[in-house]
Amino acid sequence: MQRYSKDNLSIKVRKNIRKYRKIRGYTLQELADLSGFTHGYVRDLECLTINKTPTLEAIGKFADALEIDIRQLFDDVDTNKYSD
């Protein structure tokens, strides 16, 4: 059985937010506007060198803005794609 830590889950969710933002073709500002967050928050969340962990409520807002099921943000993500 795989063990999940808060940090591992946070990074997985943050990578998936970026992945689905890119798939949708949204800029950071567009996702911020759609989710109700600031540009700076979304930027910092996607920057994995900054230690940010989104709340479950925030994850739900991102899923709604990205028009995906919240569970998709917890899926494994291919680290070679969407990393630019």
C-alpha atoms as a PDB file:
ATOM      1  CA  MET A   1       0.000   0.000   0.000  1.00  0.00           C
ATOM      2  CA  GLN A   2       1.315   3.432  -0.933  1.00  0.00           C
ATOM      3  CA  ARG A   3       1.778   5.959   1.851  1.00  0.00           C
ATOM      4  CA  TYR A   4       0.725   9.523   1.267  1.00  0.00           C
ATOM      5  CA  SER A   5       2.240  12.485   2.998  1.00  0.00           C
ATOM      6  CA  LYS A   6       0.834  15.984   3.068  1.00  0.00           C
ATOM      7  CA  ASP A   7       3.813  17.240   1.059  1.00  0.00           C
ATOM      8  CA  ASN A   8       3.545  14.546  -1.618  1.00  0.00           C
ATOM      9  CA  LEU A   9      -0.177  15.111  -2.062  1.00  0.00           C
ATOM     10  CA  SER A  10       0.303  18.873  -2.158  1.00  0.00           C
ATOM     11  CA  ILE A  11       2.890  18.630  -4.927  1.00  0.00           C
ATOM     12  CA  LYS A  12       0.737  16.189  -6.897  1.00  0.00           C
ATOM     13  CA  VAL A  13      -2.277  18.525  -6.686  1.00  0.00           C
ATOM     14  CA  ARG A  14      -0.196  21.582  -7.582  1.00  0.00           C
ATOM     15  CA  LYS A  15       1.299  19.853 -10.625  1.00  0.00           C
ATOM     16  CA  ASN A  16      -2.154  18.790 -11.743  1.00  0.00           C
ATOM     17  CA  ILE A  17      -3.535  22.303 -11.371  1.00  0.00           C
ATOM     18  CA  ARG A  18      -0.798  23.480 -13.721  1.00  0.00           C
ATOM     19  CA  LYS A  19      -1.375  20.568 -16.098  1.00  0.00           C
ATOM     20  CA  TYR A  20      -5.101  21.189 -16.431  1.00  0.00           C
ATOM     21  CA  ARG A  21      -4.603  24.956 -16.655  1.00  0.00           C
ATOM     22  CA  LYS A  22      -2.292  24.387 -19.611  1.00  0.00           C
ATOM     23  CA  ILE A  23      -4.677  21.870 -21.204  1.00  0.00           C
ATOM     24  CA  ARG A  24      -7.459  24.456 -20.986  1.00  0.00           C
ATOM     25  CA  GLY A  25      -5.150  27.122 -22.392  1.00  0.00           C
ATOM     26  CA  TYR A  26      -5.694  29.412 -19.409  1.00  0.00           C
ATOM     27  CA  THR A  27      -3.171  31.972 -18.289  1.00  0.00           C
ATOM     28  CA  LEU A  28      -2.391  32.286 -14.594  1.00  0.00           C
ATOM     29  CA  GLN A  29      -4.621  35.360 -14.478  1.00  0.00           C
ATOM     30  CA  GLU A  30      -7.516  33.595 -16.193  1.00  0.00           C
ATOM     31  CA  LEU A  31      -7.376  30.721 -13.714  1.00  0.00           C
ATOM     32  CA  ALA A  32      -7.116  33.201 -10.859  1.00  0.00           C
ATOM     33  CA  ASP A  33     -10.208  35.037 -12.103  1.00  0.00           C
ATOM     34  CA  LEU A  34     -12.187  31.826 -12.602  1.00  0.00           C
ATOM     35  CA  SER A  35     -11.251  30.388  -9.214  1.00  0.00           C
ATOM     36  CA  GLY A  36     -11.524  33.588  -7.177  1.00  0.00           C
ATOM     37  CA  PHE A  37      -7.869  33.723  -6.177  1.00  0.00           C
ATOM     38  CA  THR A  38      -5.185  36.282  -6.903  1.00  0.00           C
ATOM     39  CA  HIS A  39      -2.679  35.924  -9.708  1.00  0.00           C
ATOM     40  CA  GLY A  40       0.082  35.806  -7.089  1.00  0.00           C
ATOM     41  CA  TYR A  41      -1.530  32.931  -5.207  1.00  0.00           C
ATOM     42  CA  VAL A  42      -1.958  30.833  -8.357  1.00  0.00           C
ATOM     43  CA  ARG A  43       1.594  31.649  -9.472  1.00  0.00           C
ATOM     44  CA  ASP A  44       3.042  30.732  -6.075  1.00  0.00           C
ATOM     45  CA  LEU A  45       0.975  27.552  -5.932  1.00  0.00           C
ATOM     46  CA  GLU A  46       2.344  26.364  -9.271  1.00  0.00           C
ATOM     47  CA  CYS A  47       5.917  27.274  -8.301  1.00  0.00           C
ATOM     48  CA  LEU A  48       7.026  24.115  -6.545  1.00  0.00           C
ATOM     49  CA  THR A  49       9.990  25.817  -4.886  1.00  0.00           C
ATOM     50  CA  ILE A  50       7.536  27.822  -2.770  1.00  0.00           C
ATOM     51  CA  ASN A  51       5.988  25.846   0.077  1.00  0.00           C
ATOM     52  CA  LYS A  52       2.230  26.264  -0.369  1.00  0.00           C
ATOM     53  CA  THR A  53      -0.433  23.705   0.417  1.00  0.00           C
ATOM     54  CA  PRO A  54      -3.906  24.468  -0.900  1.00  0.00           C
ATOM     55  CA  THR A  55      -6.883  23.788   1.342  1.00  0.00           C
ATOM     56  CA  LEU A  56      -9.513  21.290   0.280  1.00  0.00           C
ATOM     57  CA  GLU A  57     -11.840  24.226  -0.374  1.00  0.00           C
ATOM     58  CA  ALA A  58      -9.227  25.809  -2.671  1.00  0.00           C
ATOM     59  CA  ILE A  59      -8.715  22.502  -4.502  1.00  0.00           C
ATOM     60  CA  GLY A  60     -12.469  22.348  -5.064  1.00  0.00           C
ATOM     61  CA  LYS A  61     -12.492  25.880  -6.477  1.00  0.00           C
ATOM     62  CA  PHE A  62      -9.672  24.997  -8.865  1.00  0.00           C
ATOM     63  CA  ALA A  63     -11.481  21.833  -9.980  1.00  0.00           C
ATOM     64  CA  ASP A  64     -14.637  23.860 -10.652  1.00  0.00           C
ATOM     65  CA  ALA A  65     -12.694  26.531 -12.544  1.00  0.00           C
ATOM     66  CA  LEU A  66     -10.935  23.878 -14.613  1.00  0.00           C
ATOM     67  CA  GLU A  67     -14.212  22.003 -15.179  1.00  0.00           C
ATOM     68  CA  ILE A  68     -12.843  18.713 -13.898  1.00  0.00           C
ATOM     69  CA  ASP A  69     -13.714  16.285 -11.142  1.00  0.00           C
ATOM     70  CA  ILE A  70     -11.789  17.128  -7.971  1.00  0.00           C
ATOM     71  CA  ARG A  71     -10.378  13.580  -7.941  1.00  0.00           C
ATOM     72  CA  GLN A  72      -8.434  14.326 -11.121  1.00  0.00           C
ATOM     73  CA  LEU A  73      -6.254  16.745  -9.164  1.00  0.00           C
ATOM     74  CA  PHE A  74      -5.044  13.825  -7.038  1.00  0.00           C
ATOM     75  CA  ASP A  75      -4.067  11.619 -10.011  1.00  0.00           C
ATOM     76  CA  ASP A  76      -0.454  10.851 -10.807  1.00  0.00           C
ATOM     77  CA  VAL A  77       0.968  13.362 -13.258  1.00  0.00           C
ATOM     78  CA  ASP A  78       3.589  12.871 -15.968  1.00  0.00           C
ATOM     79  CA  THR A  79       6.455  15.066 -14.782  1.00  0.00           C
ATOM     80  CA  ASN A  80       7.857  15.473 -18.312  1.00  0.00           C
ATOM     81  CA  LYS A  81       4.808  17.323 -19.609  1.00  0.00           C
ATOM     82  CA  TYR A  82       3.520  20.766 -18.647  1.00  0.00           C
ATOM     83  CA  SER A  83       6.717  21.671 -16.826  1.00  0.00           C
ATOM     84  CA  ASP A  84       7.752  24.713 -18.848  1.00  0.00           C
END
